[in-house]
Amino acid sequence: MIDLRSDTLTRPTESMRQAMARADVGDDVYGEDPTVRLLEERVADLFGHESALFTPTGSMANVLAVRSLVAPGQEVLCESGAHIARAELGAHGAYTGLTMRTWIHPRGQVDLPVIQSIFAPDMGPFFVPTAAISVENTHNFAGGAVLPLADLRDLREWATGVGVRLHVDGARIWNAHVATGTPLRDYGAVADVMAVCLSKGLGAPVGSLMVGSSDTVAEARIWRKRMGGGMRQVGILAAAGLHALDHHLERLADDHTHARLLAEACGVDPSGVDTNIVVVSRSDAADFVAAAREAGVLVATVGPTAVRLVTHLDINTSDAERAAAVLARL
């Protein structure tokens, strides 16, 4: 089977397993795991922030990041297809008591005039004030679309002027970096807090990081423990993340090439495929997924009429070509 359901399905390479086996470890709840500390320091530096916090999941990293900006009874604005709104099971409201309002963009982009129109300043005890704006780069359900740096900078400038802070869900920020050549520090500069993932395109078996100021991360560390995310000799997992940063970052360009190959096979304009995700519109989405499975290709629905294909570390050029032939026929 050629598995295109998600880039979370990658398995550790043999060299990654060796790095994990050799990892120097300690008790991370005590702050004594040297490999975790190395990973946190490295990722914080990559994005030009003071500190970072290793978490078991991207959803936890996002919840910790957003709650650091938005108090109970305040709101965060995001695009309607954002992962924090659509795919985290209401965790933000459930854990922190915030509310959420959305704008709609077919490519998940920053729409500054619309954001400005729905922004709610503090107008007293009758209205919910906007405390933060969240953007997702790349945008998963918009087909891995990249948010242009210029748009992010314009948003940041306006948000700073009105006293609103900015969260970047950068689960696949690595793909945006490789696709555009934009330095990671430039992406980091627009964000008050970020969440970045190691277990998607980078191919680590587990792990994400929340990135922000030292004070913000120190408070998030407490909340991580409160949410059940305190881990012990987790350097074994952090070592996989360090290995991924060393060996799997630039190769993301291969995934992007394979995605455009699949897009063309499915009748999707490849010029609109920014990174490693292709969304195909199908009125018979469920039947299409079943037929593809019968033919040896696993894909997934992400809506009643939308099928998603995701390329990743475990899909080589031969796999992509074989899948393209199957999907084109179907």
Protein backbone atom coordinates (compact mmCIF):
# COMPACT_ATOMS: atom_id res chain seq x y z
CA MET A 1 0.00 0.00 0.00
CA ILE A 2 1.14 3.54 -0.80
CA ASP A 3 -0.07 5.61 2.15
CA LEU A 4 -0.90 9.23 1.33
CA ARG A 5 -3.33 9.85 4.19
CA SER A 6 -0.99 12.07 6.21
CA ASP A 7 2.64 13.00 6.78
CA THR A 8 2.15 11.89 10.40
CA LEU A 9 2.44 8.29 9.17
CA THR A 10 6.20 8.37 8.67
CA ARG A 11 8.29 5.84 10.56
CA PRO A 12 11.70 6.57 12.08
CA THR A 13 14.59 5.84 9.75
CA GLU A 14 17.29 3.46 10.89
CA SER A 15 19.70 6.34 11.50
CA MET A 16 17.05 8.15 13.54
CA ARG A 17 16.51 5.02 15.63
CA GLN A 18 20.23 4.87 16.29
CA ALA A 19 20.25 8.50 17.40
CA MET A 20 17.36 7.77 19.75
CA ALA A 21 19.12 4.74 21.21
CA ARG A 22 22.24 6.80 21.94
CA ALA A 23 20.40 9.77 23.50
CA ASP A 24 21.66 11.17 26.79
CA VAL A 25 18.60 11.39 29.06
CA GLY A 26 17.41 12.67 32.43
CA ASP A 27 14.12 13.56 34.11
CA ASP A 28 12.54 16.34 32.05
CA VAL A 29 9.97 17.26 34.72
CA TYR A 30 12.97 18.23 36.83
CA GLY A 31 14.43 20.03 33.82
CA GLU A 32 17.31 17.56 33.77
CA ASP A 33 17.07 15.91 30.35
CA PRO A 34 20.04 17.30 28.40
CA THR A 35 18.77 16.19 25.00
CA VAL A 36 15.40 17.86 25.52
CA ARG A 37 17.10 21.04 26.65
CA LEU A 38 19.33 20.99 23.57
CA LEU A 39 16.32 20.56 21.29
CA GLU A 40 14.39 23.36 23.01
CA GLU A 41 17.34 25.75 22.82
CA ARG A 42 17.98 24.93 19.18
CA VAL A 43 14.39 25.39 18.04
CA ALA A 44 13.99 28.64 20.00
CA ASP A 45 17.16 29.95 18.34
CA LEU A 46 16.01 28.89 14.86
CA PHE A 47 12.97 31.15 15.20
CA GLY A 48 14.72 33.95 17.09
CA HIS A 49 12.80 33.47 20.34
CA GLU A 50 14.01 33.16 23.89
CA SER A 51 12.69 29.75 24.80
CA ALA A 52 10.79 26.66 23.69
CA LEU A 53 8.93 23.80 25.36
CA PHE A 54 8.84 20.21 24.11
CA THR A 55 5.32 18.73 24.08
CA PRO A 56 4.04 15.29 23.07
CA THR A 57 1.56 16.67 20.52
CA GLY A 58 0.95 19.63 18.26
CA SER A 59 -2.50 20.12 19.74
CA MET A 60 -0.99 20.53 23.21
CA ALA A 61 1.59 22.98 21.87
CA ASN A 62 -1.19 25.01 20.26
CA VAL A 63 -3.37 24.99 23.38
CA LEU A 64 -0.45 26.12 25.54
CA ALA A 65 0.50 28.82 23.06
CA VAL A 66 -2.98 30.25 22.57
CA ARG A 67 -3.87 30.18 26.27
CA SER A 68 -0.73 32.20 26.96
CA LEU A 69 -2.31 35.04 24.96
CA VAL A 70 -6.04 34.66 25.57
CA ALA A 71 -7.69 34.65 28.99
CA PRO A 72 -11.04 33.00 29.80
CA GLY A 73 -13.86 35.04 28.30
CA GLN A 74 -11.64 36.61 25.64
CA GLU A 75 -11.51 35.55 21.99
CA VAL A 76 -9.02 34.46 19.37
CA LEU A 77 -9.69 35.12 15.69
CA CYS A 78 -8.64 32.55 13.07
CA GLU A 79 -9.50 31.37 9.57
CA SER A 80 -12.50 29.03 9.51
CA GLY A 81 -10.51 25.99 8.39
CA ALA A 82 -7.73 26.49 10.91
CA HIS A 83 -6.53 23.41 12.77
CA ILE A 84 -7.20 25.05 16.15
CA ALA A 85 -10.83 25.58 15.15
CA ARG A 86 -11.53 22.42 13.21
CA ALA A 87 -9.27 19.60 14.31
CA GLU A 88 -8.45 19.92 18.01
CA LEU A 89 -11.81 18.76 19.39
CA GLY A 90 -12.66 22.11 21.00
CA ALA A 91 -9.64 21.83 23.29
CA HIS A 92 -9.06 25.57 23.48
CA GLY A 93 -12.48 26.34 24.86
CA ALA A 94 -12.56 23.21 26.99
CA TYR A 95 -9.23 23.87 28.70
CA THR A 96 -9.03 27.65 28.84
CA GLY A 97 -12.54 29.07 28.52
CA LEU A 98 -11.74 31.25 25.51
CA THR A 99 -14.08 31.82 22.59
CA MET A 100 -13.29 31.85 18.90
CA ARG A 101 -14.51 33.69 15.81
CA THR A 102 -13.41 33.07 12.24
CA TRP A 103 -13.01 34.59 8.83
CA ILE A 104 -13.31 32.54 5.62
CA HIS A 105 -10.69 32.34 2.88
CA PRO A 106 -10.57 29.50 0.32
CA ARG A 107 -6.77 29.36 0.60
CA GLY A 108 -6.61 29.92 4.34
CA GLN A 109 -4.90 33.25 3.86
CA VAL A 110 -4.64 36.39 5.95
CA ASP A 111 -7.51 38.67 4.88
CA LEU A 112 -6.56 41.82 6.74
CA PRO A 113 -9.59 43.99 5.84
CA VAL A 114 -11.94 41.25 7.05
CA ILE A 115 -9.89 40.67 10.20
CA GLN A 116 -10.01 44.39 10.91
CA SER A 117 -13.77 44.37 10.42
CA ILE A 118 -14.41 41.58 12.94
CA PHE A 119 -11.81 42.68 15.49
CA ALA A 120 -13.49 43.62 18.78
CA PRO A 121 -11.70 46.11 21.05
CA ASP A 122 -12.47 46.15 24.75
CA MET A 123 -15.89 47.83 24.83
CA GLY A 124 -16.83 47.14 28.41
CA PRO A 125 -18.78 44.35 30.09
CA PHE A 126 -21.15 43.58 27.21
CA PHE A 127 -18.80 42.36 24.46
CA VAL A 128 -16.10 39.72 24.09
CA PRO A 129 -12.74 41.42 23.40
CA THR A 130 -10.29 40.11 20.82
CA ALA A 131 -7.05 39.19 22.56
CA ALA A 132 -5.20 37.35 19.80
CA ILE A 133 -5.18 36.33 16.15
CA SER A 134 -4.05 32.87 15.07
CA VAL A 135 -2.74 32.00 11.60
CA GLU A 136 -1.67 28.62 10.26
CA ASN A 137 1.38 28.33 8.00
CA THR A 138 1.24 26.15 6.00
CA HIS A 139 -2.52 25.83 6.08
CA ASN A 140 -3.48 22.16 6.28
CA PHE A 141 -7.06 22.14 5.03
CA ALA A 142 -6.29 24.74 2.36
CA GLY A 143 -4.02 22.21 0.71
CA GLY A 144 -0.74 23.08 2.38
CA ALA A 145 -0.98 26.71 1.26
CA VAL A 146 1.83 29.05 2.28
CA LEU A 147 0.98 32.39 3.90
CA PRO A 148 3.17 35.09 2.31
CA LEU A 149 5.58 36.77 4.70
CA ALA A 150 4.48 40.23 3.54
CA ASP A 151 0.89 39.49 4.60
CA LEU A 152 2.06 38.20 7.97
CA ARG A 153 4.13 41.33 8.52
CA ASP A 154 1.19 43.57 7.64
CA LEU A 155 -0.99 41.63 10.07
CA ARG A 156 1.63 41.87 12.80
CA GLU A 157 2.03 45.62 12.32
CA TRP A 158 -1.70 46.22 12.56
CA ALA A 159 -2.19 43.83 15.47
CA THR A 160 0.58 45.49 17.46
CA GLY A 161 -1.04 48.86 16.85
CA VAL A 162 -4.36 47.73 18.33
CA GLY A 163 -2.84 45.74 21.18
CA VAL A 164 -3.60 42.26 19.83
CA ARG A 165 -1.05 39.45 19.92
CA LEU A 166 -0.30 36.86 17.24
CA HIS A 167 -0.11 33.07 17.41
CA VAL A 168 1.36 31.11 14.51
CA ASP A 169 0.39 27.46 14.17
CA GLY A 170 3.56 26.40 12.41
CA ALA A 171 3.01 22.66 12.42
CA ARG A 172 4.32 22.66 8.84
CA ILE A 173 6.30 25.93 8.94
CA TRP A 174 9.29 23.87 7.79
CA ASN A 175 7.51 23.24 4.49
CA ALA A 176 6.84 26.95 4.05
CA HIS A 177 10.50 27.68 4.76
CA VAL A 178 11.74 25.17 2.17
CA ALA A 179 9.14 26.11 -0.45
CA THR A 180 9.82 29.85 -0.30
CA GLY A 181 13.34 30.16 1.07
CA THR A 182 12.02 32.44 3.82
CA PRO A 183 14.33 32.27 6.86
CA LEU A 184 12.76 30.66 9.90
CA ARG A 185 13.71 33.72 11.96
CA ASP A 186 11.59 35.91 9.67
CA TYR A 187 8.59 33.70 10.38
CA GLY A 188 9.42 33.77 14.08
CA ALA A 189 9.61 37.56 14.10
CA VAL A 190 5.91 37.97 13.28
CA ALA A 191 4.74 35.75 16.16
CA ASP A 192 4.36 36.30 19.88
CA VAL A 193 4.10 32.54 20.27
CA MET A 194 4.37 29.61 17.88
CA ALA A 195 3.76 25.89 17.77
CA VAL A 196 6.01 23.81 15.50
CA CYS A 197 5.81 20.09 14.83
CA LEU A 198 8.51 17.46 14.41
CA SER A 199 6.29 14.45 13.60
CA LYS A 200 4.89 15.54 10.24
CA GLY A 201 7.20 16.41 7.37
CA LEU A 202 10.33 16.10 9.47
CA GLY A 203 9.53 12.47 10.17
CA ALA A 204 10.09 12.21 13.92
CA PRO A 205 7.82 9.66 15.65
CA VAL A 206 6.33 12.18 18.10
CA GLY A 207 6.73 15.71 19.39
CA SER A 208 6.08 19.40 18.92
CA LEU A 209 7.37 22.56 20.55
CA MET A 210 5.79 25.75 21.79
CA VAL A 211 8.06 28.72 21.13
CA GLY A 212 7.95 32.11 22.86
CA SER A 213 9.46 34.29 25.54
CA SER A 214 11.14 32.83 28.62
CA ASP A 215 8.32 33.95 30.90
CA THR A 216 5.64 32.59 28.58
CA VAL A 217 7.35 29.23 28.27
CA ALA A 218 7.93 29.00 32.03
CA GLU A 219 4.19 29.38 32.62
CA ALA A 220 3.42 26.93 29.81
CA ARG A 221 5.67 24.39 31.48
CA ILE A 222 3.37 24.48 34.51
CA TRP A 223 0.30 24.12 32.32
CA ARG A 224 1.88 21.25 30.43
CA LYS A 225 2.23 19.36 33.72
CA ARG A 226 -1.31 20.33 34.71
CA MET A 227 -2.61 18.88 31.44
CA GLY A 228 -0.77 15.61 31.97
CA GLY A 229 2.09 16.40 29.63
CA GLY A 230 4.96 16.12 32.11
CA MET A 231 7.36 13.58 30.66
CA ARG A 232 10.41 11.91 32.16
CA GLN A 233 13.36 10.49 30.17
CA VAL A 234 11.96 11.97 27.00
CA GLY A 235 15.36 12.74 25.48
CA ILE A 236 14.89 9.51 23.52
CA LEU A 237 12.17 11.34 21.58
CA ALA A 238 13.93 14.70 21.51
CA ALA A 239 16.90 12.99 19.86
CA ALA A 240 14.63 12.04 16.96
CA GLY A 241 13.70 15.69 16.57
CA LEU A 242 17.33 16.80 16.54
CA HIS A 243 18.13 14.13 13.96
CA ALA A 244 15.20 15.30 11.83
CA LEU A 245 16.40 18.90 11.89
CA ASP A 246 19.85 17.75 10.79
CA HIS A 247 18.79 15.35 8.05
CA HIS A 248 15.16 15.79 6.98
CA LEU A 249 14.61 19.51 6.53
CA GLU A 250 15.94 20.28 3.05
CA ARG A 251 14.56 17.03 1.64
CA LEU A 252 11.04 18.43 2.09
CA ALA A 253 11.52 19.81 -1.42
CA ASP A 254 11.19 16.22 -2.69
CA ASP A 255 7.79 15.93 -1.03
CA HIS A 256 6.68 19.14 -2.73
CA THR A 257 7.76 17.80 -6.13
CA HIS A 258 5.88 14.55 -5.52
CA ALA A 259 2.75 16.47 -4.49
CA ARG A 260 2.72 18.42 -7.75
CA LEU A 261 3.05 15.12 -9.64
CA LEU A 262 -0.03 13.76 -7.83
CA ALA A 263 -1.93 16.99 -8.40
CA GLU A 264 -1.41 16.84 -12.13
CA ALA A 265 -2.55 13.22 -12.19
CA CYS A 266 -5.77 14.20 -10.41
CA GLY A 267 -6.53 17.18 -12.63
CA VAL A 268 -5.50 19.75 -10.02
CA ASP A 269 -3.42 22.69 -11.23
CA PRO A 270 0.07 21.90 -9.84
CA SER A 271 0.97 25.59 -9.76
CA GLY A 272 -1.53 25.94 -6.90
CA VAL A 273 0.19 23.23 -4.84
CA ASP A 274 2.60 25.10 -2.59
CA THR A 275 3.97 22.25 -0.51
CA ASN A 276 3.17 18.59 0.23
CA ILE A 277 -0.64 18.53 0.40
CA VAL A 278 -3.12 18.15 -2.45
CA VAL A 279 -6.87 18.54 -1.93
CA VAL A 280 -9.01 17.03 -4.67
CA SER A 281 -12.69 17.98 -5.00
CA ARG A 282 -14.86 14.90 -5.50
CA SER A 283 -18.62 14.66 -5.16
CA ASP A 284 -18.08 10.94 -4.49
CA ALA A 285 -15.23 11.44 -2.01
CA ALA A 286 -15.95 8.39 0.13
CA ASP A 287 -16.31 6.10 -2.89
CA PHE A 288 -13.12 7.50 -4.39
CA VAL A 289 -11.21 6.75 -1.18
CA ALA A 290 -12.56 3.19 -1.17
CA ALA A 291 -11.64 2.65 -4.83
CA ALA A 292 -8.14 3.98 -4.26
CA ARG A 293 -7.70 1.60 -1.34
CA GLU A 294 -8.72 -1.33 -3.52
CA ALA A 295 -6.08 -0.24 -6.02
CA GLY A 296 -3.36 -0.02 -3.37
CA VAL A 297 -3.33 3.69 -2.53
CA LEU A 298 -4.51 5.08 0.80
CA VAL A 299 -5.99 8.59 0.74
CA ALA A 300 -8.40 10.29 3.14
CA THR A 301 -11.47 12.49 3.12
CA VAL A 302 -11.23 15.87 4.85
CA GLY A 303 -14.80 16.83 4.08
CA PRO A 304 -17.86 15.42 2.33
CA THR A 305 -16.51 16.40 -1.10
CA ALA A 306 -12.78 16.74 -0.42
CA VAL A 307 -10.02 14.13 -0.64
CA ARG A 308 -6.55 14.89 0.74
CA LEU A 309 -3.26 13.46 -0.51
CA VAL A 310 -0.12 14.10 1.55
CA THR A 311 3.43 13.27 0.48
CA HIS A 312 6.11 12.54 3.05
CA LEU A 313 9.40 10.91 3.97
CA ASP A 314 8.18 7.35 3.34
CA ILE A 315 7.02 8.13 -0.22
CA ASN A 316 9.81 8.01 -2.79
CA THR A 317 9.61 9.02 -6.44
CA SER A 318 8.67 5.52 -7.56
CA ASP A 319 5.83 5.42 -5.02
CA ALA A 320 4.58 8.83 -6.16
CA GLU A 321 4.62 7.77 -9.80
CA ARG A 322 2.75 4.53 -9.05
CA ALA A 323 0.15 6.40 -6.98
CA ALA A 324 -0.24 9.03 -9.71
CA ALA A 325 -1.00 6.32 -12.25
CA VAL A 326 -3.65 4.78 -10.00
CA LEU A 327 -5.28 8.08 -9.11
CA ALA A 328 -5.29 9.28 -12.72
CA ARG A 329 -7.06 6.12 -13.78
CA LEU A 330 -9.65 6.48 -11.03
